[in-house]
Amino acid sequence: ETNTYSTVTSFHNGYSISAGIMLFNGFQAVNNIKITKTAQ
């Protein structure tokens, strides 16, 4: 709250959620689909 040092016992709790997707990586994802299809 005050951005100052304190010596009082404190309790902290946090939550986070994140997501990510590869938009382009040299067609690696598409080629992996082709390879797994041929392997199947």
PDB file of all heavy atoms in Angstrom:
ATOM      1  N   GLU A   1       0.811  -1.209   0.000  1.00  0.00           N
ATOM      2  CA  GLU A   1       0.000   0.000   0.000  1.00  0.00           C
ATOM      3  C   GLU A   1       0.847   1.263   0.000  1.00  0.00           C
ATOM      4  O   GLU A   1       0.591   2.209  -0.734  1.00  0.00           O
ATOM      5  CB  GLU A   1      -0.935   0.002   1.210  1.00  0.00           C
ATOM      6  CG  GLU A   1      -2.028  -1.064   1.151  1.00  0.00           C
ATOM      7  CD  GLU A   1      -2.961  -0.980   2.344  1.00  0.00           C
ATOM      8  OE1 GLU A   1      -2.542  -0.381   3.367  1.00  0.00           O
ATOM      9  OE2 GLU A   1      -4.088  -1.485   2.253  1.00  0.00           O
ATOM     10  N   THR A   2       1.890   1.316   0.877  1.00  0.00           N
ATOM     11  CA  THR A   2       2.706   2.534   1.032  1.00  0.00           C
ATOM     12  C   THR A   2       4.041   2.448   0.319  1.00  0.00           C
ATOM     13  O   THR A   2       4.765   3.437   0.242  1.00  0.00           O
ATOM     14  CB  THR A   2       2.951   2.776   2.523  1.00  0.00           C
ATOM     15  OG1 THR A   2       3.670   1.658   3.071  1.00  0.00           O
ATOM     16  CG2 THR A   2       1.631   2.933   3.274  1.00  0.00           C
ATOM     17  N   ASN A   3       4.403   1.244  -0.160  1.00  0.00           N
ATOM     18  CA  ASN A   3       5.674   1.022  -0.843  1.00  0.00           C
ATOM     19  C   ASN A   3       6.859   1.364   0.066  1.00  0.00           C
ATOM     20  O   ASN A   3       7.898   1.859  -0.382  1.00  0.00           O
ATOM     21  CB  ASN A   3       5.745   1.833  -2.135  1.00  0.00           C
ATOM     22  CG  ASN A   3       6.778   1.248  -3.102  1.00  0.00           C
ATOM     23  OD1 ASN A   3       7.115   0.061  -3.010  1.00  0.00           O
ATOM     24  ND2 ASN A   3       7.277   2.076  -4.006  1.00  0.00           N
ATOM     25  N   THR A   4       6.696   1.149   1.392  1.00  0.00           N
ATOM     26  CA  THR A   4       7.760   1.372   2.366  1.00  0.00           C
ATOM     27  C   THR A   4       8.032   0.051   3.092  1.00  0.00           C
ATOM     28  O   THR A   4       7.210  -0.860   3.089  1.00  0.00           O
ATOM     29  CB  THR A   4       7.372   2.455   3.381  1.00  0.00           C
ATOM     30  OG1 THR A   4       6.182   2.046   4.059  1.00  0.00           O
ATOM     31  CG2 THR A   4       7.136   3.803   2.673  1.00  0.00           C
ATOM     32  N   TYR A   5       9.203   0.005   3.741  1.00  0.00           N
ATOM     33  CA  TYR A   5       9.563  -1.199   4.463  1.00  0.00           C
ATOM     34  C   TYR A   5       8.740  -1.335   5.740  1.00  0.00           C
ATOM     35  O   TYR A   5       8.438  -0.347   6.408  1.00  0.00           O
ATOM     36  CB  TYR A   5      11.045  -1.181   4.808  1.00  0.00           C
ATOM     37  CG  TYR A   5      11.916  -1.469   3.610  1.00  0.00           C
ATOM     38  CD1 TYR A   5      12.569  -0.432   2.947  1.00  0.00           C
ATOM     39  CD2 TYR A   5      12.096  -2.786   3.159  1.00  0.00           C
ATOM     40  CE1 TYR A   5      13.367  -0.692   1.853  1.00  0.00           C
ATOM     41  CE2 TYR A   5      12.890  -3.046   2.059  1.00  0.00           C
ATOM     42  CZ  TYR A   5      13.526  -1.997   1.412  1.00  0.00           C
ATOM     43  OH  TYR A   5      14.317  -2.258   0.322  1.00  0.00           O
ATOM     44  N   SER A   6       8.421  -2.608   6.064  1.00  0.00           N
ATOM     45  CA  SER A   6       7.651  -2.890   7.266  1.00  0.00           C
ATOM     46  C   SER A   6       8.153  -4.196   7.862  1.00  0.00           C
ATOM     47  O   SER A   6       8.654  -5.070   7.150  1.00  0.00           O
ATOM     48  CB  SER A   6       6.154  -3.000   6.948  1.00  0.00           C
ATOM     49  OG  SER A   6       5.431  -3.416   8.094  1.00  0.00           O
ATOM     50  N   THR A   7       8.037  -4.305   9.184  1.00  0.00           N
ATOM     51  CA  THR A   7       8.478  -5.525   9.873  1.00  0.00           C
ATOM     52  C   THR A   7       7.312  -6.309  10.454  1.00  0.00           C
ATOM     53  O   THR A   7       7.495  -7.204  11.276  1.00  0.00           O
ATOM     54  CB  THR A   7       9.458  -5.163  11.003  1.00  0.00           C
ATOM     55  OG1 THR A   7       8.814  -4.272  11.906  1.00  0.00           O
ATOM     56  CG2 THR A   7      10.716  -4.553  10.456  1.00  0.00           C
ATOM     57  N   VAL A   8       6.096  -5.951  10.052  1.00  0.00           N
ATOM     58  CA  VAL A   8       4.897  -6.626  10.536  1.00  0.00           C
ATOM     59  C   VAL A   8       4.661  -7.893   9.715  1.00  0.00           C
ATOM     60  O   VAL A   8       4.879  -7.909   8.499  1.00  0.00           O
ATOM     61  CB  VAL A   8       3.680  -5.691  10.458  1.00  0.00           C
ATOM     62  CG1 VAL A   8       2.425  -6.392  10.985  1.00  0.00           C
ATOM     63  CG2 VAL A   8       3.941  -4.414  11.244  1.00  0.00           C
ATOM     64  N   THR A   9       4.205  -8.922  10.400  1.00  0.00           N
ATOM     65  CA  THR A   9       3.895 -10.181   9.700  1.00  0.00           C
ATOM     66  C   THR A   9       2.799  -9.953   8.670  1.00  0.00           C
ATOM     67  O   THR A   9       1.777  -9.310   8.975  1.00  0.00           O
ATOM     68  CB  THR A   9       3.446 -11.248  10.699  1.00  0.00           C
ATOM     69  OG1 THR A   9       4.485 -11.473  11.648  1.00  0.00           O
ATOM     70  CG2 THR A   9       3.118 -12.551   9.975  1.00  0.00           C
ATOM     71  N   SER A  10       3.031 -10.445   7.460  1.00  0.00           N
ATOM     72  CA  SER A  10       2.079 -10.236   6.367  1.00  0.00           C
ATOM     73  C   SER A  10       1.800 -11.552   5.653  1.00  0.00           C
ATOM     74  O   SER A  10       2.599 -12.494   5.682  1.00  0.00           O
ATOM     75  CB  SER A  10       2.620  -9.206   5.369  1.00  0.00           C
ATOM     76  OG  SER A  10       3.849  -9.669   4.806  1.00  0.00           O
ATOM     77  N   PHE A  11       0.637 -11.583   5.003  1.00  0.00           N
ATOM     78  CA  PHE A  11       0.224 -12.752   4.227  1.00  0.00           C
ATOM     79  C   PHE A  11      -0.104 -12.307   2.811  1.00  0.00           C
ATOM     80  O   PHE A  11      -0.839 -11.328   2.605  1.00  0.00           O
ATOM     81  CB  PHE A  11      -1.000 -13.416   4.864  1.00  0.00           C
ATOM     82  CG  PHE A  11      -1.568 -14.530   4.027  1.00  0.00           C
ATOM     83  CD1 PHE A  11      -0.968 -15.778   4.013  1.00  0.00           C
ATOM     84  CD2 PHE A  11      -2.701 -14.306   3.247  1.00  0.00           C
ATOM     85  CE1 PHE A  11      -1.491 -16.795   3.239  1.00  0.00           C
ATOM     86  CE2 PHE A  11      -3.232 -15.324   2.473  1.00  0.00           C
ATOM     87  CZ  PHE A  11      -2.620 -16.577   2.464  1.00  0.00           C
ATOM     88  N   HIS A  12       0.438 -12.997   1.831  1.00  0.00           N
ATOM     89  CA  HIS A  12       0.264 -12.645   0.420  1.00  0.00           C
ATOM     90  C   HIS A  12      -0.304 -13.846  -0.338  1.00  0.00           C
ATOM     91  O   HIS A  12       0.082 -14.991  -0.106  1.00  0.00           O
ATOM     92  CB  HIS A  12       1.606 -12.231  -0.205  1.00  0.00           C
ATOM     93  CG  HIS A  12       2.232 -11.048   0.434  1.00  0.00           C
ATOM     94  ND1 HIS A  12       2.157  -9.781  -0.081  1.00  0.00           N
ATOM     95  CD2 HIS A  12       2.967 -10.933   1.589  1.00  0.00           C
ATOM     96  CE1 HIS A  12       2.812  -8.944   0.690  1.00  0.00           C
ATOM     97  NE2 HIS A  12       3.301  -9.616   1.729  1.00  0.00           N
ATOM     98  N   ASN A  13      -1.225 -13.551  -1.255  1.00  0.00           N
ATOM     99  CA  ASN A  13      -1.864 -14.593  -2.077  1.00  0.00           C
ATOM    100  C   ASN A  13      -2.074 -14.028  -3.485  1.00  0.00           C
ATOM    101  O   ASN A  13      -2.570 -12.888  -3.624  1.00  0.00           O
ATOM    102  CB  ASN A  13      -3.190 -15.010  -1.452  1.00  0.00           C
ATOM    103  CG  ASN A  13      -3.878 -16.119  -2.241  1.00  0.00           C
ATOM    104  OD1 ASN A  13      -5.095 -16.159  -2.286  1.00  0.00           O
ATOM    105  ND2 ASN A  13      -3.129 -17.011  -2.853  1.00  0.00           N
ATOM    106  N   GLY A  14      -1.711 -14.803  -4.528  1.00  0.00           N
ATOM    107  CA  GLY A  14      -1.831 -14.311  -5.903  1.00  0.00           C
ATOM    108  C   GLY A  14      -2.348 -15.382  -6.849  1.00  0.00           C
ATOM    109  O   GLY A  14      -2.219 -16.594  -6.597  1.00  0.00           O
ATOM    110  N   TYR A  15      -2.931 -14.899  -7.964  1.00  0.00           N
ATOM    111  CA  TYR A  15      -3.491 -15.785  -8.997  1.00  0.00           C
ATOM    112  C   TYR A  15      -3.116 -15.232 -10.368  1.00  0.00           C
ATOM    113  O   TYR A  15      -3.063 -13.998 -10.557  1.00  0.00           O
ATOM    114  CB  TYR A  15      -5.015 -15.877  -8.875  1.00  0.00           C
ATOM    115  CG  TYR A  15      -5.487 -16.359  -7.516  1.00  0.00           C
ATOM    116  CD1 TYR A  15      -5.724 -15.441  -6.491  1.00  0.00           C
ATOM    117  CD2 TYR A  15      -5.690 -17.714  -7.268  1.00  0.00           C
ATOM    118  CE1 TYR A  15      -6.147 -15.874  -5.251  1.00  0.00           C
ATOM    119  CE2 TYR A  15      -6.120 -18.135  -6.035  1.00  0.00           C
ATOM    120  CZ  TYR A  15      -6.355 -17.230  -5.034  1.00  0.00           C
ATOM    121  OH  TYR A  15      -6.765 -17.652  -3.808  1.00  0.00           O
ATOM    122  N   SER A  16      -2.894 -16.128 -11.321  1.00  0.00           N
ATOM    123  CA  SER A  16      -2.578 -15.702 -12.683  1.00  0.00           C
ATOM    124  C   SER A  16      -2.989 -16.793 -13.663  1.00  0.00           C
ATOM    125  O   SER A  16      -3.014 -17.986 -13.330  1.00  0.00           O
ATOM    126  CB  SER A  16      -1.086 -15.400 -12.838  1.00  0.00           C
ATOM    127  OG  SER A  16      -0.308 -16.581 -12.681  1.00  0.00           O
ATOM    128  N   ILE A  17      -3.321 -16.363 -14.876  1.00  0.00           N
ATOM    129  CA  ILE A  17      -3.636 -17.278 -15.974  1.00  0.00           C
ATOM    130  C   ILE A  17      -3.064 -16.681 -17.251  1.00  0.00           C
ATOM    131  O   ILE A  17      -3.116 -15.457 -17.454  1.00  0.00           O
ATOM    132  CB  ILE A  17      -5.159 -17.509 -16.096  1.00  0.00           C
ATOM    133  CG1 ILE A  17      -5.447 -18.543 -17.188  1.00  0.00           C
ATOM    134  CG2 ILE A  17      -5.888 -16.208 -16.346  1.00  0.00           C
ATOM    135  CD1 ILE A  17      -6.916 -18.960 -17.238  1.00  0.00           C
ATOM    136  N   SER A  18      -2.496 -17.536 -18.091  1.00  0.00           N
ATOM    137  CA  SER A  18      -1.851 -17.055 -19.313  1.00  0.00           C
ATOM    138  C   SER A  18      -2.125 -18.037 -20.442  1.00  0.00           C
ATOM    139  O   SER A  18      -2.396 -19.231 -20.216  1.00  0.00           O
ATOM    140  CB  SER A  18      -0.339 -16.907 -19.114  1.00  0.00           C
ATOM    141  OG  SER A  18       0.257 -18.165 -18.791  1.00  0.00           O
ATOM    142  N   ALA A  19      -2.063 -17.518 -21.658  1.00  0.00           N
ATOM    143  CA  ALA A  19      -2.274 -18.327 -22.859  1.00  0.00           C
ATOM    144  C   ALA A  19      -1.351 -17.828 -23.942  1.00  0.00           C
ATOM    145  O   ALA A  19      -1.009 -16.633 -23.994  1.00  0.00           O
ATOM    146  CB  ALA A  19      -3.736 -18.252 -23.315  1.00  0.00           C
ATOM    147  N   GLY A  20      -0.947 -18.769 -24.802  1.00  0.00           N
ATOM    148  CA  GLY A  20      -0.047 -18.409 -25.890  1.00  0.00           C
ATOM    149  C   GLY A  20      -0.221 -19.337 -27.073  1.00  0.00           C
ATOM    150  O   GLY A  20      -0.556 -20.520 -26.907  1.00  0.00           O
ATOM    151  N   ILE A  21      -0.005 -18.813 -28.268  1.00  0.00           N
ATOM    152  CA  ILE A  21      -0.120 -19.603 -29.487  1.00  0.00           C
ATOM    153  C   ILE A  21       0.962 -19.155 -30.459  1.00  0.00           C
ATOM    154  O   ILE A  21       1.280 -17.964 -30.557  1.00  0.00           O
ATOM    155  CB  ILE A  21      -1.527 -19.467 -30.120  1.00  0.00           C
ATOM    156  CG1 ILE A  21      -1.663 -20.424 -31.312  1.00  0.00           C
ATOM    157  CG2 ILE A  21      -1.815 -18.047 -30.521  1.00  0.00           C
ATOM    158  CD1 ILE A  21      -3.076 -20.484 -31.860  1.00  0.00           C
ATOM    159  N   MET A  22       1.537 -20.137 -31.156  1.00  0.00           N
ATOM    160  CA  MET A  22       2.557 -19.843 -32.138  1.00  0.00           C
ATOM    161  C   MET A  22       1.876 -19.513 -33.463  1.00  0.00           C
ATOM    162  O   MET A  22       1.139 -20.328 -34.029  1.00  0.00           O
ATOM    163  CB  MET A  22       3.488 -21.047 -32.308  1.00  0.00           C
ATOM    164  CG  MET A  22       4.620 -20.823 -33.285  1.00  0.00           C
ATOM    165  SD  MET A  22       5.791 -19.550 -32.754  1.00  0.00           S
ATOM    166  CE  MET A  22       6.509 -20.347 -31.306  1.00  0.00           C
ATOM    167  N   LEU A  23       2.097 -18.292 -33.942  1.00  0.00           N
ATOM    168  CA  LEU A  23       1.478 -17.862 -35.192  1.00  0.00           C
ATOM    169  C   LEU A  23       2.268 -18.344 -36.405  1.00  0.00           C
ATOM    170  O   LEU A  23       1.676 -18.715 -37.420  1.00  0.00           O
ATOM    171  CB  LEU A  23       1.365 -16.331 -35.217  1.00  0.00           C
ATOM    172  CG  LEU A  23       0.530 -15.712 -34.086  1.00  0.00           C
ATOM    173  CD1 LEU A  23       0.517 -14.193 -34.211  1.00  0.00           C
ATOM    174  CD2 LEU A  23      -0.885 -16.258 -34.092  1.00  0.00           C
ATOM    175  N   PHE A  24       3.576 -18.329 -36.302  1.00  0.00           N
ATOM    176  CA  PHE A  24       4.407 -18.787 -37.425  1.00  0.00           C
ATOM    177  C   PHE A  24       5.744 -19.269 -36.880  1.00  0.00           C
ATOM    178  O   PHE A  24       6.411 -18.568 -36.125  1.00  0.00           O
ATOM    179  CB  PHE A  24       4.629 -17.642 -38.430  1.00  0.00           C
ATOM    180  CG  PHE A  24       5.494 -18.046 -39.600  1.00  0.00           C
ATOM    181  CD1 PHE A  24       4.968 -18.779 -40.637  1.00  0.00           C
ATOM    182  CD2 PHE A  24       6.835 -17.696 -39.634  1.00  0.00           C
ATOM    183  CE1 PHE A  24       5.765 -19.172 -41.717  1.00  0.00           C
ATOM    184  CE2 PHE A  24       7.637 -18.069 -40.703  1.00  0.00           C
ATOM    185  CZ  PHE A  24       7.101 -18.811 -41.749  1.00  0.00           C
ATOM    186  N   ASN A  25       6.125 -20.491 -37.250  1.00  0.00           N
ATOM    187  CA  ASN A  25       7.435 -21.025 -36.862  1.00  0.00           C
ATOM    188  C   ASN A  25       8.051 -21.829 -38.001  1.00  0.00           C
ATOM    189  O   ASN A  25       8.567 -22.929 -37.807  1.00  0.00           O
ATOM    190  CB  ASN A  25       7.326 -21.896 -35.610  1.00  0.00           C
ATOM    191  CG  ASN A  25       6.407 -23.087 -35.817  1.00  0.00           C
ATOM    192  OD1 ASN A  25       5.636 -23.136 -36.784  1.00  0.00           O
ATOM    193  ND2 ASN A  25       6.483 -24.037 -34.904  1.00  0.00           N
ATOM    194  N   GLY A  26       7.943 -21.259 -39.208  1.00  0.00           N
ATOM    195  CA  GLY A  26       8.524 -21.935 -40.356  1.00  0.00           C
ATOM    196  C   GLY A  26       7.728 -23.142 -40.808  1.00  0.00           C
ATOM    197  O   GLY A  26       8.327 -24.139 -41.250  1.00  0.00           O
ATOM    198  N   PHE A  27       6.412 -23.101 -40.673  1.00  0.00           N
ATOM    199  CA  PHE A  27       5.527 -24.203 -41.072  1.00  0.00           C
ATOM    200  C   PHE A  27       5.850 -25.514 -40.333  1.00  0.00           C
ATOM    201  O   PHE A  27       5.538 -26.591 -40.808  1.00  0.00           O
ATOM    202  CB  PHE A  27       5.587 -24.454 -42.587  1.00  0.00           C
ATOM    203  CG  PHE A  27       5.208 -23.253 -43.400  1.00  0.00           C
ATOM    204  CD1 PHE A  27       6.179 -22.497 -44.034  1.00  0.00           C
ATOM    205  CD2 PHE A  27       3.881 -22.865 -43.520  1.00  0.00           C
ATOM    206  CE1 PHE A  27       5.839 -21.387 -44.789  1.00  0.00           C
ATOM    207  CE2 PHE A  27       3.523 -21.756 -44.277  1.00  0.00           C
ATOM    208  CZ  PHE A  27       4.512 -21.014 -44.913  1.00  0.00           C
ATOM    209  N   GLN A  28       6.491 -25.390 -39.183  1.00  0.00           N
ATOM    210  CA  GLN A  28       6.852 -26.597 -38.443  1.00  0.00           C
ATOM    211  C   GLN A  28       5.617 -27.334 -37.953  1.00  0.00           C
ATOM    212  O   GLN A  28       5.554 -28.573 -38.014  1.00  0.00           O
ATOM    213  CB  GLN A  28       7.749 -26.233 -37.262  1.00  0.00           C
ATOM    214  CG  GLN A  28       8.223 -27.451 -36.466  1.00  0.00           C
ATOM    215  CD  GLN A  28       9.172 -27.061 -35.342  1.00  0.00           C
ATOM    216  OE1 GLN A  28       9.516 -25.896 -35.208  1.00  0.00           O
ATOM    217  NE2 GLN A  28       9.592 -28.039 -34.565  1.00  0.00           N
ATOM    218  N   ALA A  29       4.612 -26.605 -37.490  1.00  0.00           N
ATOM    219  CA  ALA A  29       3.411 -27.258 -36.976  1.00  0.00           C
ATOM    220  C   ALA A  29       2.665 -27.985 -38.092  1.00  0.00           C
ATOM    221  O   ALA A  29       2.207 -29.121 -37.921  1.00  0.00           O
ATOM    222  CB  ALA A  29       2.505 -26.214 -36.323  1.00  0.00           C
ATOM    223  N   VAL A  30       2.549 -27.327 -39.257  1.00  0.00           N
ATOM    224  CA  VAL A  30       1.857 -27.973 -40.382  1.00  0.00           C
ATOM    225  C   VAL A  30       2.628 -29.194 -40.866  1.00  0.00           C
ATOM    226  O   VAL A  30       2.038 -30.251 -41.168  1.00  0.00           O
ATOM    227  CB  VAL A  30       1.661 -26.952 -41.521  1.00  0.00           C
ATOM    228  CG1 VAL A  30       1.001 -27.619 -42.730  1.00  0.00           C
ATOM    229  CG2 VAL A  30       0.824 -25.776 -41.046  1.00  0.00           C
ATOM    230  N   ASN A  31       3.925 -29.077 -40.939  1.00  0.00           N
ATOM    231  CA  ASN A  31       4.733 -30.216 -41.382  1.00  0.00           C
ATOM    232  C   ASN A  31       4.687 -31.367 -40.385  1.00  0.00           C
ATOM    233  O   ASN A  31       4.737 -32.538 -40.785  1.00  0.00           O
ATOM    234  CB  ASN A  31       6.178 -29.774 -41.603  1.00  0.00           C
ATOM    235  CG  ASN A  31       6.328 -28.863 -42.817  1.00  0.00           C
ATOM    236  OD1 ASN A  31       5.492 -28.903 -43.729  1.00  0.00           O
ATOM    237  ND2 ASN A  31       7.359 -28.046 -42.833  1.00  0.00           N
ATOM    238  N   ASN A  32       4.588 -31.042 -39.105  1.00  0.00           N
ATOM    239  CA  ASN A  32       4.457 -32.110 -38.108  1.00  0.00           C
ATOM    240  C   ASN A  32       3.155 -32.884 -38.301  1.00  0.00           C
ATOM    241  O   ASN A  32       3.103 -34.098 -38.098  1.00  0.00           O
ATOM    242  CB  ASN A  32       4.524 -31.525 -36.703  1.00  0.00           C
ATOM    243  CG  ASN A  32       5.932 -31.141 -36.304  1.00  0.00           C
ATOM    244  OD1 ASN A  32       6.905 -31.620 -36.882  1.00  0.00           O
ATOM    245  ND2 ASN A  32       6.048 -30.258 -35.328  1.00  0.00           N
ATOM    246  N   ILE A  33       2.098 -32.165 -38.690  1.00  0.00           N
ATOM    247  CA  ILE A  33       0.829 -32.845 -38.973  1.00  0.00           C
ATOM    248  C   ILE A  33       0.995 -33.807 -40.144  1.00  0.00           C
ATOM    249  O   ILE A  33       0.517 -34.946 -40.122  1.00  0.00           O
ATOM    250  CB  ILE A  33      -0.271 -31.816 -39.253  1.00  0.00           C
ATOM    251  CG1 ILE A  33      -0.548 -30.976 -38.005  1.00  0.00           C
ATOM    252  CG2 ILE A  33      -1.544 -32.508 -39.725  1.00  0.00           C
ATOM    253  CD1 ILE A  33      -1.574 -29.874 -38.221  1.00  0.00           C
ATOM    254  N   LYS A  34       1.690 -33.351 -41.183  1.00  0.00           N
ATOM    255  CA  LYS A  34       1.909 -34.212 -42.349  1.00  0.00           C
ATOM    256  C   LYS A  34       2.759 -35.430 -41.973  1.00  0.00           C
ATOM    257  O   LYS A  34       2.486 -36.554 -42.411  1.00  0.00           O
ATOM    258  CB  LYS A  34       2.589 -33.418 -43.463  1.00  0.00           C
ATOM    259  CG  LYS A  34       1.740 -32.283 -44.025  1.00  0.00           C
ATOM    260  CD  LYS A  34       2.496 -31.543 -45.114  1.00  0.00           C
ATOM    261  CE  LYS A  34       1.654 -30.398 -45.686  1.00  0.00           C
ATOM    262  NZ  LYS A  34       2.381 -29.640 -46.742  1.00  0.00           N
ATOM    263  N   ILE A  35       3.781 -35.205 -41.174  1.00  0.00           N
ATOM    264  CA  ILE A  35       4.667 -36.317 -40.791  1.00  0.00           C
ATOM    265  C   ILE A  35       3.914 -37.338 -39.946  1.00  0.00           C
ATOM    266  O   ILE A  35       4.034 -38.553 -40.146  1.00  0.00           O
ATOM    267  CB  ILE A  35       5.897 -35.771 -40.035  1.00  0.00           C
ATOM    268  CG1 ILE A  35       6.804 -34.988 -40.996  1.00  0.00           C
ATOM    269  CG2 ILE A  35       6.678 -36.909 -39.391  1.00  0.00           C
ATOM    270  CD1 ILE A  35       8.000 -34.344 -40.320  1.00  0.00           C
ATOM    271  N   THR A  36       3.121 -36.852 -38.987  1.00  0.00           N
ATOM    272  CA  THR A  36       2.372 -37.796 -38.142  1.00  0.00           C
ATOM    273  C   THR A  36       1.302 -38.543 -38.943  1.00  0.00           C
ATOM    274  O   THR A  36       0.999 -39.699 -38.656  1.00  0.00           O
ATOM    275  CB  THR A  36       1.714 -37.042 -36.977  1.00  0.00           C
ATOM    276  OG1 THR A  36       0.925 -35.952 -37.494  1.00  0.00           O
ATOM    277  CG2 THR A  36       2.773 -36.481 -36.028  1.00  0.00           C
ATOM    278  N   LYS A  37       0.739 -37.877 -39.968  1.00  0.00           N
ATOM    279  CA  LYS A  37      -0.234 -38.569 -40.813  1.00  0.00           C
ATOM    280  C   LYS A  37       0.441 -39.695 -41.595  1.00  0.00           C
ATOM    281  O   LYS A  37      -0.082 -40.825 -41.666  1.00  0.00           O
ATOM    282  CB  LYS A  37      -0.878 -37.577 -41.784  1.00  0.00           C
ATOM    283  CG  LYS A  37      -1.896 -38.213 -42.715  1.00  0.00           C
ATOM    284  CD  LYS A  37      -2.503 -37.185 -43.657  1.00  0.00           C
ATOM    285  CE  LYS A  37      -3.505 -37.847 -44.599  1.00  0.00           C
ATOM    286  NZ  LYS A  37      -4.109 -36.850 -45.526  1.00  0.00           N
ATOM    287  N   THR A  38       1.605 -39.396 -42.167  1.00  0.00           N
ATOM    288  CA  THR A  38       2.347 -40.445 -42.887  1.00  0.00           C
ATOM    289  C   THR A  38       2.797 -41.546 -41.946  1.00  0.00           C
ATOM    290  O   THR A  38       2.743 -42.737 -42.295  1.00  0.00           O
ATOM    291  CB  THR A  38       3.564 -39.826 -43.591  1.00  0.00           C
ATOM    292  OG1 THR A  38       3.145 -38.748 -44.427  1.00  0.00           O
ATOM    293  CG2 THR A  38       4.277 -40.866 -44.446  1.00  0.00           C
ATOM    294  N   ALA A  39       3.221 -41.177 -40.747  1.00  0.00           N
ATOM    295  CA  ALA A  39       3.643 -42.191 -39.776  1.00  0.00           C
ATOM    296  C   ALA A  39       2.487 -43.093 -39.375  1.00  0.00           C
ATOM    297  O   ALA A  39       2.656 -44.300 -39.188  1.00  0.00           O
ATOM    298  CB  ALA A  39       4.242 -41.515 -38.548  1.00  0.00           C
ATOM    299  N   GLN A  40       1.291 -42.509 -39.245  1.00  0.00           N
ATOM    300  CA  GLN A  40       0.116 -43.317 -38.912  1.00  0.00           C
ATOM    301  C   GLN A  40      -0.208 -44.290 -40.039  1.00  0.00           C
ATOM    302  O   GLN A  40      -0.514 -45.463 -39.796  1.00  0.00           O
ATOM    303  CB  GLN A  40      -1.074 -42.402 -38.641  1.00  0.00           C
ATOM    304  CG  GLN A  40      -2.318 -43.134 -38.154  1.00  0.00           C
ATOM    305  CD  GLN A  40      -3.449 -42.179 -37.836  1.00  0.00           C
ATOM    306  OE1 GLN A  40      -3.358 -40.980 -38.100  1.00  0.00           O
ATOM    307  NE2 GLN A  40      -4.524 -42.698 -37.280  1.00  0.00           N
TER     308      GLN A  40
END
